[in-house]
Every structure is written in structure tokens, then in C-alpha cells.
Amino acid sequence: MSEECSTTKSCSTAHNTNNDSECDMHERLLALADDAWMELLKEKMKTEIEKTNGPHMNNIAKLVVDANCAKWGSMIQVKVKCNEYKESLKALMMGGCNK
């Protein structure tokens, strides 16, 4: 922040809800421009990767998604079997108490 901004009354925070001085608006805008630059560069890189490796990456993505679905399916089956076991054990334990 410049010396002028830190000493003049024209740089009040009355209009800014982030408690940032209006004096640093130019710095925040430059930082925003840097962020936009990087976001655009990232999008351009994605476009190039898609052009050169798209079909190969599609195959990788499908393989990973299929494996993930199988993993979750297995986890759900295990959970169901575990719940069936708990219910069966509970029924047997409750039946033994009545005798």
C-alpha cells in the first residue's frame, strides 16, 4: 500500500464490507487478473490434453469408474451380509432367553 493511501482520508473502509481499504483495490484486481490468467491457462491445457490423449484418458476413466463401482457394490454386499448376521444372532440370542 502506498504512503499516500495510508495517510489520506479518501481511502475509507465505509464502502467495503471486507474491512479492506479501497486503496488496495488495484492490488486485488491485479491478483484477480493473475487468477484469471491461470484459470484460462488451465482450461487451454485441458483442451490440449483432450485433443492429444482424450481417447486414452477415456479408457483410463472407464477402468477406474468400473473398479470403483465394483468396490462399492462389494462394500454394500458385505454390509448387507453383516446386517443379516447381526439380525440372525440377535434372533438366536433372544430365543435362548425365553427357555
N, C-alpha and C. Protein backbone atom coordinates (compact mmCIF):
# COMPACT_ATOMS: atom_id res chain seq x y z
N MET A 1 0.86 -1.16 0.00
CA MET A 1 0.00 0.00 0.00
C MET A 1 0.90 1.22 0.00
N SER A 2 0.56 2.25 -0.78
CA SER A 2 1.41 3.43 -0.87
C SER A 2 1.25 4.30 0.36
N GLU A 3 2.25 5.17 0.57
CA GLU A 3 2.21 6.09 1.71
C GLU A 3 1.01 7.01 1.59
N GLU A 4 0.70 7.45 0.37
CA GLU A 4 -0.43 8.35 0.15
C GLU A 4 -1.74 7.70 0.59
N CYS A 5 -1.94 6.44 0.24
CA CYS A 5 -3.17 5.75 0.62
C CYS A 5 -3.28 5.60 2.12
N SER A 6 -2.20 5.37 2.78
CA SER A 6 -2.29 5.13 4.21
C SER A 6 -2.53 6.40 5.01
N THR A 7 -2.33 7.58 4.39
CA THR A 7 -2.47 8.81 5.15
C THR A 7 -3.65 9.67 4.74
N THR A 8 -4.28 9.38 3.58
CA THR A 8 -5.38 10.23 3.15
C THR A 8 -6.70 9.70 3.65
N LYS A 9 -7.65 10.61 3.83
CA LYS A 9 -8.96 10.22 4.32
C LYS A 9 -9.85 9.71 3.19
N SER A 10 -9.43 9.85 1.92
CA SER A 10 -10.25 9.39 0.81
C SER A 10 -10.28 7.86 0.73
N CYS A 11 -9.43 7.21 1.44
CA CYS A 11 -9.36 5.74 1.41
C CYS A 11 -10.05 5.16 2.63
N SER A 12 -11.32 5.44 2.78
CA SER A 12 -12.06 4.92 3.93
C SER A 12 -12.54 3.50 3.66
N THR A 13 -12.92 2.82 4.70
CA THR A 13 -13.44 1.45 4.56
C THR A 13 -14.95 1.42 4.66
N ALA A 14 -15.59 2.56 4.61
CA ALA A 14 -17.03 2.62 4.80
C ALA A 14 -17.79 1.86 3.73
N HIS A 15 -17.26 1.79 2.52
CA HIS A 15 -17.97 1.13 1.43
C HIS A 15 -17.54 -0.31 1.21
N ASN A 16 -16.61 -0.79 1.99
CA ASN A 16 -16.08 -2.12 1.78
C ASN A 16 -16.43 -3.00 2.98
N THR A 17 -17.13 -4.09 2.71
CA THR A 17 -17.58 -4.98 3.80
C THR A 17 -16.49 -5.95 4.24
N ASN A 18 -15.39 -6.06 3.48
CA ASN A 18 -14.32 -7.00 3.84
C ASN A 18 -13.26 -6.36 4.71
N ASN A 19 -13.49 -5.15 5.20
CA ASN A 19 -12.54 -4.43 6.03
C ASN A 19 -11.22 -4.19 5.30
N ASP A 20 -11.22 -4.22 3.97
CA ASP A 20 -10.06 -3.89 3.17
C ASP A 20 -10.18 -2.44 2.75
N SER A 21 -9.08 -1.78 2.73
CA SER A 21 -9.08 -0.39 2.30
C SER A 21 -9.36 -0.32 0.81
N GLU A 22 -10.02 0.74 0.40
CA GLU A 22 -10.24 0.96 -1.03
C GLU A 22 -8.91 1.14 -1.74
N CYS A 23 -7.88 1.52 -0.99
CA CYS A 23 -6.57 1.77 -1.57
C CYS A 23 -5.94 0.50 -2.15
N ASP A 24 -6.31 -0.65 -1.64
CA ASP A 24 -5.69 -1.87 -2.17
C ASP A 24 -6.54 -2.52 -3.26
N MET A 25 -7.57 -1.83 -3.72
CA MET A 25 -8.41 -2.36 -4.79
C MET A 25 -7.56 -2.69 -6.02
N HIS A 26 -6.62 -1.82 -6.38
CA HIS A 26 -5.80 -2.07 -7.55
C HIS A 26 -4.98 -3.34 -7.38
N GLU A 27 -4.51 -3.61 -6.18
CA GLU A 27 -3.74 -4.83 -5.91
C GLU A 27 -4.63 -6.05 -6.00
N ARG A 28 -5.83 -5.94 -5.47
CA ARG A 28 -6.77 -7.07 -5.53
C ARG A 28 -7.18 -7.35 -6.96
N LEU A 29 -7.36 -6.31 -7.78
CA LEU A 29 -7.72 -6.51 -9.18
C LEU A 29 -6.57 -7.16 -9.95
N LEU A 30 -5.34 -6.77 -9.66
CA LEU A 30 -4.20 -7.42 -10.30
C LEU A 30 -4.11 -8.88 -9.90
N ALA A 31 -4.36 -9.18 -8.65
CA ALA A 31 -4.35 -10.58 -8.19
C ALA A 31 -5.47 -11.37 -8.87
N LEU A 32 -6.62 -10.74 -9.03
CA LEU A 32 -7.74 -11.38 -9.72
C LEU A 32 -7.38 -11.67 -11.18
N ALA A 33 -6.68 -10.72 -11.81
CA ALA A 33 -6.24 -10.93 -13.19
C ALA A 33 -5.25 -12.10 -13.26
N ASP A 34 -4.35 -12.21 -12.27
CA ASP A 34 -3.43 -13.34 -12.23
C ASP A 34 -4.18 -14.65 -12.11
N ASP A 35 -5.19 -14.68 -11.25
CA ASP A 35 -6.02 -15.88 -11.09
C ASP A 35 -6.72 -16.24 -12.39
N ALA A 36 -7.28 -15.23 -13.05
CA ALA A 36 -7.98 -15.47 -14.32
C ALA A 36 -7.01 -16.02 -15.37
N TRP A 37 -5.82 -15.47 -15.41
CA TRP A 37 -4.79 -15.93 -16.34
C TRP A 37 -4.52 -17.42 -16.11
N MET A 38 -4.32 -17.80 -14.85
CA MET A 38 -4.01 -19.19 -14.54
C MET A 38 -5.20 -20.11 -14.85
N GLU A 39 -6.41 -19.64 -14.57
CA GLU A 39 -7.60 -20.45 -14.88
C GLU A 39 -7.71 -20.67 -16.38
N LEU A 40 -7.48 -19.62 -17.17
CA LEU A 40 -7.55 -19.74 -18.62
C LEU A 40 -6.46 -20.67 -19.13
N LEU A 41 -5.26 -20.53 -18.59
CA LEU A 41 -4.17 -21.41 -18.98
C LEU A 41 -4.51 -22.86 -18.67
N LYS A 42 -5.10 -23.10 -17.51
CA LYS A 42 -5.50 -24.46 -17.14
C LYS A 42 -6.54 -25.00 -18.12
N GLU A 43 -7.50 -24.18 -18.49
CA GLU A 43 -8.52 -24.61 -19.46
C GLU A 43 -7.89 -24.93 -20.81
N LYS A 44 -6.93 -24.11 -21.23
CA LYS A 44 -6.23 -24.35 -22.50
C LYS A 44 -5.47 -25.67 -22.43
N MET A 45 -4.83 -25.93 -21.29
CA MET A 45 -4.11 -27.19 -21.12
C MET A 45 -5.05 -28.38 -21.19
N LYS A 46 -6.21 -28.24 -20.56
CA LYS A 46 -7.21 -29.32 -20.61
C LYS A 46 -7.62 -29.60 -22.05
N THR A 47 -7.81 -28.52 -22.83
CA THR A 47 -8.19 -28.68 -24.23
C THR A 47 -7.12 -29.43 -25.00
N GLU A 48 -5.85 -29.08 -24.78
CA GLU A 48 -4.75 -29.76 -25.47
C GLU A 48 -4.65 -31.22 -25.05
N ILE A 49 -4.80 -31.48 -23.76
CA ILE A 49 -4.75 -32.86 -23.28
C ILE A 49 -5.89 -33.67 -23.90
N GLU A 50 -7.07 -33.08 -23.96
CA GLU A 50 -8.21 -33.77 -24.56
C GLU A 50 -7.94 -34.09 -26.02
N LYS A 51 -7.35 -33.15 -26.74
CA LYS A 51 -7.07 -33.38 -28.17
C LYS A 51 -6.05 -34.49 -28.36
N THR A 52 -5.01 -34.49 -27.56
CA THR A 52 -3.93 -35.44 -27.79
C THR A 52 -4.11 -36.78 -27.08
N ASN A 53 -4.82 -36.78 -25.95
CA ASN A 53 -4.92 -38.01 -25.14
C ASN A 53 -6.34 -38.39 -24.78
N GLY A 54 -7.31 -37.72 -25.36
CA GLY A 54 -8.71 -37.94 -24.98
C GLY A 54 -9.15 -39.39 -24.98
N PRO A 55 -9.00 -40.10 -26.11
CA PRO A 55 -9.47 -41.49 -26.13
C PRO A 55 -8.76 -42.37 -25.10
N HIS A 56 -7.46 -42.18 -24.93
CA HIS A 56 -6.72 -42.97 -23.95
C HIS A 56 -7.21 -42.65 -22.53
N MET A 57 -7.42 -41.37 -22.25
CA MET A 57 -7.90 -40.99 -20.92
C MET A 57 -9.33 -41.49 -20.70
N ASN A 58 -10.13 -41.56 -21.75
CA ASN A 58 -11.48 -42.13 -21.62
C ASN A 58 -11.40 -43.58 -21.16
N ASN A 59 -10.45 -44.32 -21.73
CA ASN A 59 -10.28 -45.72 -21.33
C ASN A 59 -9.84 -45.83 -19.87
N ILE A 60 -8.93 -44.97 -19.47
CA ILE A 60 -8.48 -44.97 -18.07
C ILE A 60 -9.64 -44.62 -17.15
N ALA A 61 -10.40 -43.57 -17.51
CA ALA A 61 -11.52 -43.14 -16.68
C ALA A 61 -12.56 -44.26 -16.54
N LYS A 62 -12.85 -44.95 -17.64
CA LYS A 62 -13.82 -46.04 -17.59
C LYS A 62 -13.33 -47.16 -16.69
N LEU A 63 -12.07 -47.51 -16.80
CA LEU A 63 -11.50 -48.56 -15.96
C LEU A 63 -11.62 -48.20 -14.48
N VAL A 64 -11.28 -46.96 -14.14
CA VAL A 64 -11.33 -46.53 -12.75
C VAL A 64 -12.77 -46.50 -12.24
N VAL A 65 -13.68 -45.97 -13.05
CA VAL A 65 -15.09 -45.91 -12.64
C VAL A 65 -15.67 -47.31 -12.46
N ASP A 66 -15.35 -48.22 -13.37
CA ASP A 66 -15.84 -49.59 -13.24
C ASP A 66 -15.31 -50.25 -11.96
N ALA A 67 -14.03 -50.03 -11.68
CA ALA A 67 -13.44 -50.60 -10.46
C ALA A 67 -14.08 -49.99 -9.22
N ASN A 68 -14.33 -48.70 -9.25
CA ASN A 68 -14.96 -48.02 -8.12
C ASN A 68 -16.37 -48.54 -7.88
N CYS A 69 -17.11 -48.74 -8.95
CA CYS A 69 -18.48 -49.28 -8.81
C CYS A 69 -18.44 -50.69 -8.22
N ALA A 70 -17.50 -51.50 -8.68
CA ALA A 70 -17.38 -52.86 -8.14
C ALA A 70 -17.01 -52.82 -6.67
N LYS A 71 -16.10 -51.90 -6.30
CA LYS A 71 -15.70 -51.78 -4.90
C LYS A 71 -16.90 -51.43 -4.03
N TRP A 72 -17.68 -50.44 -4.47
CA TRP A 72 -18.85 -50.04 -3.68
C TRP A 72 -19.90 -51.13 -3.63
N GLY A 73 -20.07 -51.85 -4.74
CA GLY A 73 -21.01 -52.97 -4.76
C GLY A 73 -20.60 -54.03 -3.76
N SER A 74 -19.30 -54.32 -3.72
CA SER A 74 -18.80 -55.29 -2.76
C SER A 74 -18.99 -54.82 -1.32
N MET A 75 -18.72 -53.54 -1.09
CA MET A 75 -18.88 -53.00 0.26
C MET A 75 -20.33 -53.06 0.70
N ILE A 76 -21.25 -52.81 -0.20
CA ILE A 76 -22.68 -52.87 0.13
C ILE A 76 -23.08 -54.32 0.42
N GLN A 77 -22.58 -55.26 -0.38
CA GLN A 77 -22.88 -56.67 -0.14
C GLN A 77 -22.36 -57.12 1.22
N VAL A 78 -21.17 -56.68 1.57
CA VAL A 78 -20.60 -57.02 2.87
C VAL A 78 -21.47 -56.44 3.98
N LYS A 79 -21.90 -55.20 3.82
CA LYS A 79 -22.75 -54.55 4.82
C LYS A 79 -24.07 -55.33 4.98
N VAL A 80 -24.67 -55.74 3.88
CA VAL A 80 -25.92 -56.49 3.93
C VAL A 80 -25.70 -57.81 4.66
N LYS A 81 -24.64 -58.52 4.31
CA LYS A 81 -24.35 -59.81 4.96
C LYS A 81 -24.09 -59.61 6.46
N CYS A 82 -23.40 -58.54 6.80
CA CYS A 82 -23.12 -58.25 8.20
C CYS A 82 -24.41 -57.98 8.96
N ASN A 83 -25.31 -57.22 8.35
CA ASN A 83 -26.60 -56.93 8.98
C ASN A 83 -27.44 -58.20 9.13
N GLU A 84 -27.40 -59.07 8.10
CA GLU A 84 -28.13 -60.34 8.19
C GLU A 84 -27.57 -61.17 9.35
N TYR A 85 -26.26 -61.21 9.48
CA TYR A 85 -25.62 -61.95 10.57
C TYR A 85 -26.06 -61.38 11.92
N LYS A 86 -26.03 -60.06 12.06
CA LYS A 86 -26.42 -59.44 13.33
C LYS A 86 -27.87 -59.76 13.68
N GLU A 87 -28.74 -59.70 12.70
CA GLU A 87 -30.16 -59.99 12.94
C GLU A 87 -30.36 -61.46 13.31
N SER A 88 -29.66 -62.35 12.61
CA SER A 88 -29.77 -63.78 12.93
C SER A 88 -29.25 -64.06 14.34
N LEU A 89 -28.13 -63.48 14.67
CA LEU A 89 -27.56 -63.66 16.00
C LEU A 89 -28.49 -63.10 17.07
N LYS A 90 -29.05 -61.94 16.80
CA LYS A 90 -29.98 -61.32 17.74
C LYS A 90 -31.20 -62.22 17.96
N ALA A 91 -31.73 -62.76 16.85
CA ALA A 91 -32.91 -63.65 16.95
C ALA A 91 -32.56 -64.89 17.77
N LEU A 92 -31.39 -65.48 17.53
CA LEU A 92 -30.99 -66.66 18.29
C LEU A 92 -30.77 -66.35 19.76
N MET A 93 -30.17 -65.22 20.03
CA MET A 93 -29.90 -64.81 21.42
C MET A 93 -31.22 -64.55 22.15
N MET A 94 -32.18 -63.91 21.49
CA MET A 94 -33.48 -63.60 22.09
C MET A 94 -34.27 -64.89 22.30
N GLY A 95 -34.13 -65.85 21.38
CA GLY A 95 -34.83 -67.12 21.52
C GLY A 95 -34.31 -67.95 22.68
N GLY A 96 -33.04 -67.83 22.97
CA GLY A 96 -32.44 -68.56 24.08
C GLY A 96 -32.87 -68.02 25.44
N CYS A 97 -33.27 -66.78 25.51
CA CYS A 97 -33.66 -66.18 26.78
C CYS A 97 -35.06 -66.62 27.21
N ASN A 98 -35.88 -67.10 26.30
CA ASN A 98 -37.24 -67.50 26.62
C ASN A 98 -37.31 -68.88 27.26
N LYS A 99 -36.28 -69.64 27.26
CA LYS A 99 -36.33 -71.01 27.77
C LYS A 99 -36.05 -71.08 29.22
